[in-house]
C-alpha atoms as a PDB file:
ATOM      1  CA  ILE A   1      17.025  23.663 -20.096  1.00  0.00           C
ATOM      2  CA  ASP A   2      20.808  23.282 -20.267  1.00  0.00           C
ATOM      3  CA  LYS A   3      22.472  24.828 -23.326  1.00  0.00           C
ATOM      4  CA  ALA A   4      19.109  25.879 -24.766  1.00  0.00           C
ATOM      5  CA  LEU A   5      18.866  29.182 -26.640  1.00  0.00           C
ATOM      6  CA  VAL A   6      15.170  29.457 -25.873  1.00  0.00           C
ATOM      7  CA  SER A   7      13.698  31.271 -22.890  1.00  0.00           C
ATOM      8  CA  ASP A   8      11.813  29.605 -20.031  1.00  0.00           C
ATOM      9  CA  ARG A   9       8.680  31.427 -21.210  1.00  0.00           C
ATOM     10  CA  VAL A  10       8.758  29.705 -24.578  1.00  0.00           C
ATOM     11  CA  VAL A  11       9.292  26.265 -23.007  1.00  0.00           C
ATOM     12  CA  ILE A  12       6.438  26.840 -20.561  1.00  0.00           C
ATOM     13  CA  ASP A  13       4.152  28.055 -23.325  1.00  0.00           C
ATOM     14  CA  THR A  14       4.881  24.851 -25.215  1.00  0.00           C
ATOM     15  CA  VAL A  15       3.909  22.778 -22.197  1.00  0.00           C
ATOM     16  CA  VAL A  16       0.685  24.687 -21.593  1.00  0.00           C
ATOM     17  CA  SER A  17      -0.265  24.753 -25.263  1.00  0.00           C
ATOM     18  CA  LYS A  18      -0.004  20.968 -25.531  1.00  0.00           C
ATOM     19  CA  TYR A  19      -1.350  19.774 -22.196  1.00  0.00           C
ATOM     20  CA  SER A  20      -3.778  22.539 -21.286  1.00  0.00           C
ATOM     21  CA  ASP A  21      -4.883  23.791 -24.710  1.00  0.00           C
ATOM     22  CA  HIS A  22      -4.451  20.357 -26.459  1.00  0.00           C
ATOM     23  CA  LEU A  23      -2.320  21.757 -29.283  1.00  0.00           C
ATOM     24  CA  PRO A  24      -0.053  19.060 -30.783  1.00  0.00           C
ATOM     25  CA  LEU A  25       3.595  19.813 -31.396  1.00  0.00           C
ATOM     26  CA  TYR A  26       3.430  19.813 -35.182  1.00  0.00           C
ATOM     27  CA  ARG A  27       0.866  22.647 -35.034  1.00  0.00           C
ATOM     28  CA  GLN A  28       2.988  24.559 -32.531  1.00  0.00           C
ATOM     29  CA  SER A  29       5.999  24.144 -34.783  1.00  0.00           C
ATOM     30  CA  ALA A  30       4.023  25.544 -37.736  1.00  0.00           C
ATOM     31  CA  ILE A  31       2.724  28.465 -35.669  1.00  0.00           C
ATOM     32  CA  LEU A  32       6.233  29.401 -34.511  1.00  0.00           C
ATOM     33  CA  GLU A  33       7.483  29.422 -38.093  1.00  0.00           C
ATOM     34  CA  ARG A  34       4.503  31.422 -39.358  1.00  0.00           C
ATOM     35  CA  GLU A  35       4.318  33.946 -36.507  1.00  0.00           C
ATOM     36  CA  ALA A  36       7.981  34.348 -35.502  1.00  0.00           C
ATOM     37  CA  GLY A  37       9.996  32.952 -38.388  1.00  0.00           C
ATOM     38  CA  LEU A  38      11.469  30.235 -36.143  1.00  0.00           C
ATOM     39  CA  GLU A  39      12.090  26.807 -37.592  1.00  0.00           C
ATOM     40  CA  LEU A  40      11.943  24.401 -34.694  1.00  0.00           C
ATOM     41  CA  SER A  41      11.345  20.716 -35.217  1.00  0.00           C
ATOM     42  CA  ARG A  42       8.843  18.659 -33.291  1.00  0.00           C
ATOM     43  CA  ALA A  43      11.753  16.644 -31.909  1.00  0.00           C
ATOM     44  CA  THR A  44      13.186  19.815 -30.343  1.00  0.00           C
ATOM     45  CA  LEU A  45       9.843  20.770 -28.780  1.00  0.00           C
ATOM     46  CA  ASP A  46       9.368  17.223 -27.579  1.00  0.00           C
ATOM     47  CA  GLY A  47      12.812  17.327 -25.946  1.00  0.00           C
ATOM     48  CA  TRP A  48      11.721  20.400 -23.994  1.00  0.00           C
ATOM     49  CA  LEU A  49       8.559  18.648 -22.809  1.00  0.00           C
ATOM     50  CA  MET A  50      10.406  15.521 -21.714  1.00  0.00           C
ATOM     51  CA  ARG A  51      12.904  17.593 -19.734  1.00  0.00           C
ATOM     52  CA  VAL A  52      10.058  19.478 -18.013  1.00  0.00           C
ATOM     53  CA  GLY A  53       8.321  16.182 -17.203  1.00  0.00           C
ATOM     54  CA  GLU A  54      11.552  14.808 -15.739  1.00  0.00           C
ATOM     55  CA  LEU A  55      11.951  17.897 -13.596  1.00  0.00           C
ATOM     56  CA  LEU A  56       8.407  17.655 -12.269  1.00  0.00           C
ATOM     57  CA  LEU A  57       8.622  13.984 -11.219  1.00  0.00           C
ATOM     58  CA  PRO A  58       9.885  14.826  -7.653  1.00  0.00           C
ATOM     59  CA  ILE A  59       6.941  17.203  -7.145  1.00  0.00           C
ATOM     60  CA  THR A  60       4.384  14.569  -8.184  1.00  0.00           C
ATOM     61  CA  ALA A  61       6.119  12.076  -5.883  1.00  0.00           C
ATOM     62  CA  VAL A  62       5.575  14.473  -2.955  1.00  0.00           C
ATOM     63  CA  MET A  63       1.918  14.915  -4.081  1.00  0.00           C
ATOM     64  CA  ARG A  64       1.463  11.148  -4.103  1.00  0.00           C
ATOM     65  CA  ARG A  65       2.810  10.830  -0.561  1.00  0.00           C
ATOM     66  CA  GLU A  66       0.480  13.583   0.557  1.00  0.00           C
ATOM     67  CA  LEU A  67      -2.455  11.776  -1.041  1.00  0.00           C
ATOM     68  CA  ILE A  68      -1.589   8.504   0.666  1.00  0.00           C
ATOM     69  CA  CYS A  69      -1.285  10.247   4.027  1.00  0.00           C
ATOM     70  CA  GLY A  70      -4.712  11.867   3.576  1.00  0.00           C
ATOM     71  CA  GLY A  71      -8.099  10.400   4.302  1.00  0.00           C
ATOM     72  CA  TYR A  72      -9.985  10.458   0.992  1.00  0.00           C
ATOM     73  CA  ILE A  73      -9.003   9.653  -2.593  1.00  0.00           C
ATOM     74  CA  GLN A  74     -11.125   9.481  -5.693  1.00  0.00           C
ATOM     75  CA  ALA A  75      -9.691   7.322  -8.532  1.00  0.00           C
ATOM     76  CA  ASP A  76     -10.373   6.658 -12.197  1.00  0.00           C
ATOM     77  CA  GLU A  77      -8.512   5.420 -15.241  1.00  0.00           C
ATOM     78  CA  THR A  78      -8.483   5.984 -18.975  1.00  0.00           C
ATOM     79  CA  THR A  79      -6.659   4.673 -22.004  1.00  0.00           C
ATOM     80  CA  VAL A  80      -3.745   6.305 -23.835  1.00  0.00           C
ATOM     81  CA  ASP A  81      -1.918   4.920 -26.880  1.00  0.00           C
ATOM     82  CA  VAL A  82       1.853   4.505 -26.657  1.00  0.00           C
ATOM     83  CA  GLN A  83       4.365   4.039 -29.447  1.00  0.00           C
ATOM     84  CA  MET A  84       6.366   0.896 -28.672  1.00  0.00           C
ATOM     85  CA  HIS A  85       9.149   1.177 -31.324  1.00  0.00           C
ATOM     86  CA  ASP A  86       9.208  -2.625 -31.669  1.00  0.00           C
ATOM     87  CA  ARG A  87       8.890  -2.669 -35.470  1.00  0.00           C
ATOM     88  CA  ARG A  88       5.327  -3.965 -35.405  1.00  0.00           C
ATOM     89  CA  GLY A  89       4.022  -0.574 -36.386  1.00  0.00           C
ATOM     90  CA  GLN A  90       1.220  -0.692 -33.798  1.00  0.00           C
ATOM     91  CA  ASN A  91       0.589   1.416 -30.731  1.00  0.00           C
ATOM     92  CA  HIS A  92       0.098  -0.235 -27.328  1.00  0.00           C
ATOM     93  CA  GLN A  93      -2.984   0.660 -25.304  1.00  0.00           C
ATOM     94  CA  ALA A  94      -1.641   1.859 -21.958  1.00  0.00           C
ATOM     95  CA  TYR A  95      -3.534   3.546 -19.107  1.00  0.00           C
ATOM     96  CA  LEU A  96      -3.401   6.756 -17.136  1.00  0.00           C
ATOM     97  CA  TRP A  97      -4.709   6.189 -13.603  1.00  0.00           C
ATOM     98  CA  GLN A  98      -5.799   9.305 -11.827  1.00  0.00           C
ATOM     99  CA  TYR A  99      -5.951   9.794  -8.064  1.00  0.00           C
ATOM    100  CA  GLY A 100      -7.194  13.021  -6.498  1.00  0.00           C
ATOM    101  CA  ILE A 101      -8.724  14.869  -3.604  1.00  0.00           C
ATOM    102  CA  PRO A 102     -12.105  16.584  -4.147  1.00  0.00           C
ATOM    103  CA  GLY A 103     -11.291  20.229  -4.441  1.00  0.00           C
ATOM    104  CA  GLY A 104      -7.554  19.576  -4.271  1.00  0.00           C
ATOM    105  CA  GLY A 105      -4.659  18.211  -6.312  1.00  0.00           C
ATOM    106  CA  VAL A 106      -4.556  15.220  -8.600  1.00  0.00           C
ATOM    107  CA  VAL A 107      -1.792  12.767  -9.549  1.00  0.00           C
ATOM    108  CA  PHE A 108      -1.707  10.755 -12.779  1.00  0.00           C
ATOM    109  CA  ASP A 109       0.095   7.431 -12.805  1.00  0.00           C
ATOM    110  CA  PHE A 110       1.145   5.916 -16.132  1.00  0.00           C
ATOM    111  CA  ARG A 111       0.853   2.133 -16.505  1.00  0.00           C
ATOM    112  CA  LEU A 112       1.184  -0.144 -19.511  1.00  0.00           C
ATOM    113  CA  GLY A 113      -1.774  -2.221 -18.287  1.00  0.00           C
ATOM    114  CA  ARG A 114      -5.078  -1.988 -16.492  1.00  0.00           C
ATOM    115  CA  GLY A 115      -4.381  -4.638 -13.933  1.00  0.00           C
ATOM    116  CA  ARG A 116      -4.632  -4.484 -10.126  1.00  0.00           C
ATOM    117  CA  GLU A 117      -0.859  -4.034  -9.815  1.00  0.00           C
ATOM    118  CA  GLY A 118      -1.172  -0.349 -10.831  1.00  0.00           C
ATOM    119  CA  PRO A 119      -3.466   0.869  -7.979  1.00  0.00           C
ATOM    120  CA  ARG A 120      -1.862  -1.584  -5.579  1.00  0.00           C
ATOM    121  CA  GLN A 121       1.587  -0.047  -6.083  1.00  0.00           C
ATOM    122  CA  PHE A 122       0.330   3.523  -6.124  1.00  0.00           C
ATOM    123  CA  LEU A 123      -1.858   3.280  -3.061  1.00  0.00           C
ATOM    124  CA  GLY A 124       0.501   1.168  -0.966  1.00  0.00           C
ATOM    125  CA  GLN A 125      -0.905   0.934   2.539  1.00  0.00           C
ATOM    126  CA  PHE A 126      -3.432   3.729   2.133  1.00  0.00           C
ATOM    127  CA  GLU A 127      -6.056   3.397   4.872  1.00  0.00           C
ATOM    128  CA  GLY A 128      -8.476   6.193   4.105  1.00  0.00           C
ATOM    129  CA  ILE A 129     -11.527   6.226   1.834  1.00  0.00           C
ATOM    130  CA  LEU A 130     -11.022   5.170  -1.809  1.00  0.00           C
ATOM    131  CA  GLN A 131     -13.918   6.055  -4.090  1.00  0.00           C
ATOM    132  CA  THR A 132     -14.058   4.480  -7.521  1.00  0.00           C
ATOM    133  CA  ASP A 133     -16.436   2.999 -10.098  1.00  0.00           C
ATOM    134  CA  GLY A 134     -17.186  -0.708  -9.978  1.00  0.00           C
ATOM    135  CA  TYR A 135     -13.992  -1.857 -11.754  1.00  0.00           C
ATOM    136  CA  VAL A 136     -12.695  -5.010 -10.019  1.00  0.00           C
ATOM    137  CA  ALA A 137      -9.000  -3.931 -10.169  1.00  0.00           C
ATOM    138  CA  TYR A 138      -9.646  -1.677  -7.202  1.00  0.00           C
ATOM    139  CA  GLU A 139     -10.602  -4.665  -5.031  1.00  0.00           C
ATOM    140  CA  GLY A 140      -7.920  -5.850  -2.600  1.00  0.00           C
ATOM    141  CA  VAL A 141      -5.731  -2.754  -2.817  1.00  0.00           C
ATOM    142  CA  GLY A 142      -4.646  -0.383  -0.059  1.00  0.00           C
ATOM    143  CA  GLY A 143      -4.080  -1.129   3.582  1.00  0.00           C
ATOM    144  CA  PRO A 144      -6.229  -3.408   5.777  1.00  0.00           C
ATOM    145  CA  LYS A 145      -8.261  -0.463   7.147  1.00  0.00           C
ATOM    146  CA  MET A 146      -9.003   1.122   3.783  1.00  0.00           C
ATOM    147  CA  VAL A 147     -12.701   1.873   3.156  1.00  0.00           C
ATOM    148  CA  HIS A 148     -13.830   1.263  -0.491  1.00  0.00           C
ATOM    149  CA  ALA A 149     -16.764   3.384  -1.645  1.00  0.00           C
ATOM    150  CA  CYS A 150     -18.483   3.479  -5.000  1.00  0.00           C
ATOM    151  CA  CYS A 151     -20.201   6.081  -7.173  1.00  0.00           C
ATOM    152  CA  TRP A 152     -23.956   6.711  -7.564  1.00  0.00           C
ATOM    153  CA  SER A 153     -23.427   8.419 -10.940  1.00  0.00           C
ATOM    154  CA  HIS A 154     -22.217   5.144 -12.400  1.00  0.00           C
ATOM    155  CA  SER A 155     -25.242   3.313 -11.017  1.00  0.00           C
ATOM    156  CA  ARG A 156     -27.577   5.991 -12.374  1.00  0.00           C
ATOM    157  CA  ARG A 157     -25.875   5.779 -15.737  1.00  0.00           C
ATOM    158  CA  LYS A 158     -26.740   2.078 -15.978  1.00  0.00           C
ATOM    159  CA  PHE A 159     -30.451   2.847 -15.593  1.00  0.00           C
ATOM    160  CA  ILE A 160     -30.198   5.760 -18.019  1.00  0.00           C
ATOM    161  CA  GLU A 161     -28.847   3.269 -20.587  1.00  0.00           C
ATOM    162  CA  ALA A 162     -31.935   1.105 -19.960  1.00  0.00           C
ATOM    163  CA  THR A 163     -34.229   4.048 -20.635  1.00  0.00           C
ATOM    164  CA  LYS A 164     -32.372   4.853 -23.884  1.00  0.00           C
ATOM    165  CA  LEU A 165     -32.835   1.290 -25.112  1.00  0.00           C
ATOM    166  CA  ASN A 166     -36.475   1.322 -24.076  1.00  0.00           C
ATOM    167  CA  PRO A 167     -37.933   4.814 -23.631  1.00  0.00           C
ATOM    168  CA  HIS A 168     -41.133   3.247 -22.319  1.00  0.00           C
ATOM    169  CA  ASP A 169     -39.375   1.445 -19.434  1.00  0.00           C
ATOM    170  CA  ALA A 170     -41.229   3.111 -16.560  1.00  0.00           C
ATOM    171  CA  VAL A 171     -39.327   1.082 -13.914  1.00  0.00           C
ATOM    172  CA  ALA A 172     -35.873   2.307 -15.026  1.00  0.00           C
ATOM    173  CA  ALA A 173     -37.150   5.867 -15.362  1.00  0.00           C
ATOM    174  CA  ARG A 174     -38.619   5.766 -11.878  1.00  0.00           C
ATOM    175  CA  ILE A 175     -35.365   4.493 -10.393  1.00  0.00           C
ATOM    176  CA  VAL A 176     -33.450   7.291 -12.121  1.00  0.00           C
ATOM    177  CA  ALA A 177     -35.847   9.765 -10.579  1.00  0.00           C
ATOM    178  CA  ARG A 178     -35.277   8.216  -7.130  1.00  0.00           C
ATOM    179  CA  ILE A 179     -31.491   8.506  -7.540  1.00  0.00           C
ATOM    180  CA  ASP A 180     -31.951  12.092  -8.629  1.00  0.00           C
ATOM    181  CA  GLU A 181     -33.631  12.736  -5.260  1.00  0.00           C
ATOM    182  CA  LEU A 182     -30.408  11.555  -3.548  1.00  0.00           C
ATOM    183  CA  PHE A 183     -28.382  14.130  -5.501  1.00  0.00           C
ATOM    184  CA  ALA A 184     -30.971  16.759  -4.744  1.00  0.00           C
ATOM    185  CA  VAL A 185     -30.219  16.365  -1.040  1.00  0.00           C
ATOM    186  CA  ASP A 186     -26.539  17.128  -1.621  1.00  0.00           C
ATOM    187  CA  ALA A 187     -27.445  19.993  -4.002  1.00  0.00           C
ATOM    188  CA  LEU A 188     -29.512  21.496  -1.171  1.00  0.00           C
ATOM    189  CA  ALA A 189     -26.533  21.146   1.155  1.00  0.00           C
ATOM    190  CA  ARG A 190     -24.356  23.055  -1.365  1.00  0.00           C
ATOM    191  CA  GLU A 191     -26.958  25.762  -1.759  1.00  0.00           C
ATOM    192  CA  GLN A 192     -27.053  26.235   2.000  1.00  0.00           C
ATOM    193  CA  ASN A 193     -23.236  26.087   2.169  1.00  0.00           C
ATOM    194  CA  LEU A 194     -23.375  23.350   4.814  1.00  0.00           C
ATOM    195  CA  ASP A 195     -20.208  21.819   6.251  1.00  0.00           C
ATOM    196  CA  HIS A 196     -19.798  18.038   6.297  1.00  0.00           C
ATOM    197  CA  ALA A 197     -21.344  17.601   9.703  1.00  0.00           C
ATOM    198  CA  ALA A 198     -24.442  19.578   8.795  1.00  0.00           C
ATOM    199  CA  ARG A 199     -24.693  17.813   5.451  1.00  0.00           C
ATOM    200  CA  HIS A 200     -24.491  14.482   7.243  1.00  0.00           C
ATOM    201  CA  THR A 201     -27.465  15.470   9.430  1.00  0.00           C
ATOM    202  CA  LEU A 202     -29.419  16.403   6.294  1.00  0.00           C
ATOM    203  CA  ARG A 203     -28.494  13.157   4.612  1.00  0.00           C
ATOM    204  CA  MET A 204     -29.648  11.092   7.575  1.00  0.00           C
ATOM    205  CA  GLU A 205     -32.963  12.919   7.568  1.00  0.00           C
ATOM    206  CA  GLN A 206     -33.626  12.937   3.812  1.00  0.00           C
ATOM    207  CA  ALA A 207     -31.306  10.598   1.952  1.00  0.00           C
ATOM    208  CA  ARG A 208     -31.698   7.544   4.144  1.00  0.00           C
ATOM    209  CA  PRO A 209     -35.450   7.172   3.377  1.00  0.00           C
ATOM    210  CA  TRP A 210     -34.699   7.498  -0.339  1.00  0.00           C
ATOM    211  CA  LEU A 211     -32.108   4.734  -0.069  1.00  0.00           C
ATOM    212  CA  GLU A 212     -34.690   2.380   1.392  1.00  0.00           C
ATOM    213  CA  THR A 213     -37.039   3.131  -1.452  1.00  0.00           C
ATOM    214  CA  ILE A 214     -34.326   2.757  -4.077  1.00  0.00           C
ATOM    215  CA  HIS A 215     -33.183  -0.584  -2.697  1.00  0.00           C
ATOM    216  CA  ALA A 216     -36.707  -1.981  -2.670  1.00  0.00           C
ATOM    217  CA  GLU A 217     -37.395  -0.836  -6.253  1.00  0.00           C
ATOM    218  CA  VAL A 218     -34.072  -2.053  -7.624  1.00  0.00           C
ATOM    219  CA  ALA A 219     -34.521  -5.426  -5.963  1.00  0.00           C
ATOM    220  CA  ALA A 220     -37.995  -5.709  -7.455  1.00  0.00           C
ATOM    221  CA  ALA A 221     -36.603  -4.692 -10.887  1.00  0.00           C
ATOM    222  CA  ARG A 222     -33.934  -7.385 -10.705  1.00  0.00           C
ATOM    223  CA  GLY A 223     -36.570  -9.986  -9.921  1.00  0.00           C
ATOM    224  CA  ALA A 224     -38.834  -8.933 -12.775  1.00  0.00           C
ATOM    225  CA  ALA A 225     -36.290  -8.166 -15.559  1.00  0.00           C
ATOM    226  CA  LEU A 226     -34.331 -10.582 -17.684  1.00  0.00           C
ATOM    227  CA  PRO A 227     -30.795 -10.902 -16.276  1.00  0.00           C
ATOM    228  CA  ALA A 228     -29.232 -10.017 -19.672  1.00  0.00           C
ATOM    229  CA  SER A 229     -31.485  -6.984 -20.214  1.00  0.00           C
ATOM    230  CA  ALA A 230     -30.175  -3.454 -19.646  1.00  0.00           C
ATOM    231  CA  LEU A 231     -32.505  -3.068 -16.663  1.00  0.00           C
ATOM    232  CA  GLY A 232     -31.462  -6.435 -15.231  1.00  0.00           C
ATOM    233  CA  ARG A 233     -27.792  -5.576 -15.567  1.00  0.00           C
ATOM    234  CA  ALA A 234     -28.320  -2.149 -14.014  1.00  0.00           C
ATOM    235  CA  ALA A 235     -30.161  -3.632 -11.058  1.00  0.00           C
ATOM    236  CA  GLN A 236     -27.539  -6.354 -10.524  1.00  0.00           C
ATOM    237  CA  TYR A 237     -24.705  -3.795 -10.707  1.00  0.00           C
ATOM    238  CA  THR A 238     -26.374  -1.558  -8.105  1.00  0.00           C
ATOM    239  CA  LEU A 239     -27.260  -4.320  -5.666  1.00  0.00           C
ATOM    240  CA  ALA A 240     -23.812  -5.940  -5.922  1.00  0.00           C
ATOM    241  CA  LEU A 241     -22.221  -2.622  -4.921  1.00  0.00           C
ATOM    242  CA  TRP A 242     -24.889  -1.588  -2.428  1.00  0.00           C
ATOM    243  CA  PRO A 243     -22.668  -1.622   0.721  1.00  0.00           C
ATOM    244  CA  LYS A 244     -20.108   0.584  -1.107  1.00  0.00           C
ATOM    245  CA  LEU A 245     -22.819   2.904  -2.526  1.00  0.00           C
ATOM    246  CA  THR A 246     -24.248   3.584   0.944  1.00  0.00           C
ATOM    247  CA  ARG A 247     -20.940   4.283   2.696  1.00  0.00           C
ATOM    248  CA  PHE A 248     -21.677   8.005   2.512  1.00  0.00           C
ATOM    249  CA  LEU A 249     -24.061   7.503   5.435  1.00  0.00           C
ATOM    250  CA  GLU A 250     -21.122   6.438   7.573  1.00  0.00           C
ATOM    251  CA  HIS A 251     -18.546   8.945   6.290  1.00  0.00           C
ATOM    252  CA  PRO A 252     -19.739  12.588   6.117  1.00  0.00           C
ATOM    253  CA  GLU A 253     -16.874  13.711   3.849  1.00  0.00           C
ATOM    254  CA  LEU A 254     -17.748  11.173   1.162  1.00  0.00           C
ATOM    255  CA  GLU A 255     -19.303  12.535  -2.039  1.00  0.00           C
ATOM    256  CA  LEU A 256     -22.142  10.707  -3.714  1.00  0.00           C
ATOM    257  CA  SER A 257     -20.277  10.397  -7.012  1.00  0.00           C
ATOM    258  CA  ASN A 258     -16.847  10.129  -8.534  1.00  0.00           C
ATOM    259  CA  ASN A 259     -17.661  12.875 -11.047  1.00  0.00           C
ATOM    260  CA  LEU A 260     -14.755  15.082  -9.986  1.00  0.00           C
ATOM    261  CA  ALA A 261     -12.351  12.281 -10.930  1.00  0.00           C
ATOM    262  CA  GLU A 262     -14.078  11.774 -14.277  1.00  0.00           C
ATOM    263  CA  THR A 263     -13.974  15.493 -14.988  1.00  0.00           C
ATOM    264  CA  SER A 264     -10.180  15.380 -14.537  1.00  0.00           C
ATOM    265  CA  MET A 265     -10.059  12.770 -17.290  1.00  0.00           C
ATOM    266  CA  ARG A 266     -11.697  15.071 -19.887  1.00  0.00           C
ATOM    267  CA  PRO A 267      -8.540  17.070 -20.638  1.00  0.00           C
ATOM    268  CA  VAL A 268      -6.784  13.747 -21.274  1.00  0.00           C
ATOM    269  CA  ALA A 269      -9.609  12.661 -23.645  1.00  0.00           C
ATOM    270  CA  LEU A 270      -9.486  15.989 -25.480  1.00  0.00           C
ATOM    271  CA  GLY A 271      -5.708  15.928 -25.723  1.00  0.00           C
ATOM    272  CA  ARG A 272      -5.726  12.313 -26.889  1.00  0.00           C
ATOM    273  CA  LYS A 273      -7.762  13.298 -29.959  1.00  0.00           C
ATOM    274  CA  ASN A 274      -5.147  15.898 -30.869  1.00  0.00           C
ATOM    275  CA  TRP A 275      -1.738  14.589 -29.879  1.00  0.00           C
ATOM    276  CA  ILE A 276      -2.875  11.005 -30.528  1.00  0.00           C
ATOM    277  CA  HIS A 277      -0.290   9.052 -28.457  1.00  0.00           C
ATOM    278  CA  VAL A 278       2.639   9.086 -26.032  1.00  0.00           C
ATOM    279  CA  GLY A 279       5.922   8.727 -27.830  1.00  0.00           C
ATOM    280  CA  SER A 280       7.343   5.847 -25.785  1.00  0.00           C
ATOM    281  CA  PRO A 281       6.853   3.859 -22.571  1.00  0.00           C
ATOM    282  CA  GLN A 282       9.705   5.862 -21.026  1.00  0.00           C
ATOM    283  CA  ALA A 283       7.894   9.105 -21.835  1.00  0.00           C
ATOM    284  CA  GLY A 284       4.716   7.929 -20.078  1.00  0.00           C
ATOM    285  CA  PRO A 285       5.683   8.872 -16.444  1.00  0.00           C
ATOM    286  CA  LYS A 286       6.989  12.268 -17.609  1.00  0.00           C
ATOM    287  CA  VAL A 287       3.716  13.013 -19.482  1.00  0.00           C
ATOM    288  CA  ALA A 288       1.810  11.889 -16.377  1.00  0.00           C
ATOM    289  CA  ALA A 289       3.842  14.312 -14.230  1.00  0.00           C
ATOM    290  CA  ILE A 290       3.047  17.252 -16.546  1.00  0.00           C
ATOM    291  CA  LEU A 291      -0.656  16.309 -16.611  1.00  0.00           C
ATOM    292  CA  SER A 292      -0.706  16.068 -12.813  1.00  0.00           C
ATOM    293  CA  LEU A 293       0.542  19.634 -12.352  1.00  0.00           C
ATOM    294  CA  VAL A 294      -1.552  21.103 -15.179  1.00  0.00           C
ATOM    295  CA  GLU A 295      -4.768  19.434 -14.016  1.00  0.00           C
ATOM    296  CA  SER A 296      -4.066  20.236 -10.317  1.00  0.00           C
ATOM    297  CA  CYS A 297      -3.760  23.910 -11.222  1.00  0.00           C
ATOM    298  CA  ARG A 298      -7.013  23.752 -13.210  1.00  0.00           C
ATOM    299  CA  ARG A 299      -8.907  22.100 -10.374  1.00  0.00           C
ATOM    300  CA  MET A 300      -7.523  24.543  -7.826  1.00  0.00           C
ATOM    301  CA  LYS A 301      -8.104  27.559 -10.129  1.00  0.00           C
ATOM    302  CA  LEU A 302      -4.388  28.458 -10.193  1.00  0.00           C
ATOM    303  CA  PRO A 303      -2.701  30.155 -13.209  1.00  0.00           C
ATOM    304  CA  VAL A 304      -0.697  27.267 -14.603  1.00  0.00           C
ATOM    305  CA  ARG A 305       1.794  29.476 -16.488  1.00  0.00           C
ATOM    306  CA  ASP A 306       2.548  31.473 -13.348  1.00  0.00           C
ATOM    307  CA  TYR A 307       2.914  28.297 -11.341  1.00  0.00           C
ATOM    308  CA  LEU A 308       5.333  26.661 -13.781  1.00  0.00           C
ATOM    309  CA  ALA A 309       7.310  29.915 -14.186  1.00  0.00           C
ATOM    310  CA  SER A 310       7.680  29.988 -10.417  1.00  0.00           C
ATOM    311  CA  VAL A 311       8.805  26.399  -9.759  1.00  0.00           C
ATOM    312  CA  LEU A 312      10.681  25.231 -12.899  1.00  0.00           C
ATOM    313  CA  PRO A 313      13.634  27.620 -13.113  1.00  0.00           C
ATOM    314  CA  GLY A 314      16.450  26.143 -11.063  1.00  0.00           C
ATOM    315  CA  LEU A 315      14.333  23.168 -10.007  1.00  0.00           C
ATOM    316  CA  ALA A 316      17.128  20.713 -10.872  1.00  0.00           C
ATOM    317  CA  ASN A 317      19.426  22.365  -8.367  1.00  0.00           C
ATOM    318  CA  ARG A 318      16.995  22.514  -5.479  1.00  0.00           C
ATOM    319  CA  SER A 319      17.366  20.385  -2.345  1.00  0.00           C
ATOM    320  CA  ILE A 320      14.980  17.473  -2.128  1.00  0.00           C
ATOM    321  CA  HIS A 321      13.823  18.913   1.221  1.00  0.00           C
ATOM    322  CA  SER A 322      12.473  22.030  -0.529  1.00  0.00           C
ATOM    323  CA  ILE A 323      10.230  20.120  -2.947  1.00  0.00           C
ATOM    324  CA  PRO A 324       7.145  19.924  -0.646  1.00  0.00           C
ATOM    325  CA  ALA A 325       6.923  23.716  -0.797  1.00  0.00           C
ATOM    326  CA  LEU A 326       6.551  23.536  -4.616  1.00  0.00           C
ATOM    327  CA  THR A 327       3.336  21.561  -4.972  1.00  0.00           C
ATOM    328  CA  PRO A 328       0.386  23.503  -6.351  1.00  0.00           C
ATOM    329  CA  ALA A 329      -1.343  23.462  -2.957  1.00  0.00           C
ATOM    330  CA  ALA A 330       1.766  24.740  -1.142  1.00  0.00           C
ATOM    331  CA  TRP A 331       2.427  27.347  -3.844  1.00  0.00           C
ATOM    332  CA  ALA A 332      -1.162  28.640  -3.526  1.00  0.00           C
ATOM    333  CA  ARG A 333      -0.742  28.976   0.252  1.00  0.00           C
ATOM    334  CA  SER A 334       2.384  31.068  -0.277  1.00  0.00           C
ATOM    335  CA  LEU A 335       0.682  33.643  -2.485  1.00  0.00           C
END
């Protein structure tokens, strides 16, 4: 950081403490004063974070391009409050959209709204597989050849809700058990360390019959349950998405659920309870860039402090052509 008297290590520790350990800046400021006798304001610490976020934006832009050029993206979104500084004294509910590769990197995209324009602009002409929940904003995005798949965990959750409202609902409980059999097939594939081709063979042998059973029982449940009941809503949700829920039979690489994307949202949810909000709409993309790199390192089991210490110093002076070598995936390959 230009003209700063603080070392890179202290700046990086501030980033990791807030976005990996969920420690808000006012606590970090108090700790620095107590442990080291340093009086640093939250505004100073925040200035460091915003500079780091600005520096990381070109890396996340490369990561986005790599995602779009790939064949499979899982997506999800969550809320984040933003200070608007418009004298109303109220925060605005914005959104962090997350796009990632199972087992690979993830990119967060900050948007003030939850409309279709967010995923439409991020995905551009993406023509691979997009896996999401049933939110309608994901409809009509991507290129003309994009395949839209949905998540069995979300469907299962709807029937779980029905059993919570009525523990004696044998129909909902039976459907949950059937869906569990689907996941058991993939669990067996993981235990046997099968590749995608071998897992596909196993799915065709074992999962396809379970799908036929599930469809019949869900259709019967929709016919028997009240449309407004939890069971009726769960059945309608599942049948409406059925073609997207069964796409894993056509695409061996496709996971049954979007749980990896949801897991990447948990650090945001934990942080949100501690640092409460983003300071301004202009800060949103910078915060998203930091979260992208921190979460990518977590998912790829990379030491985030070592990664940031390797790529941040001198980053502002690097050629744009050198940036692809600085993504977490490229950095891991260079070790």
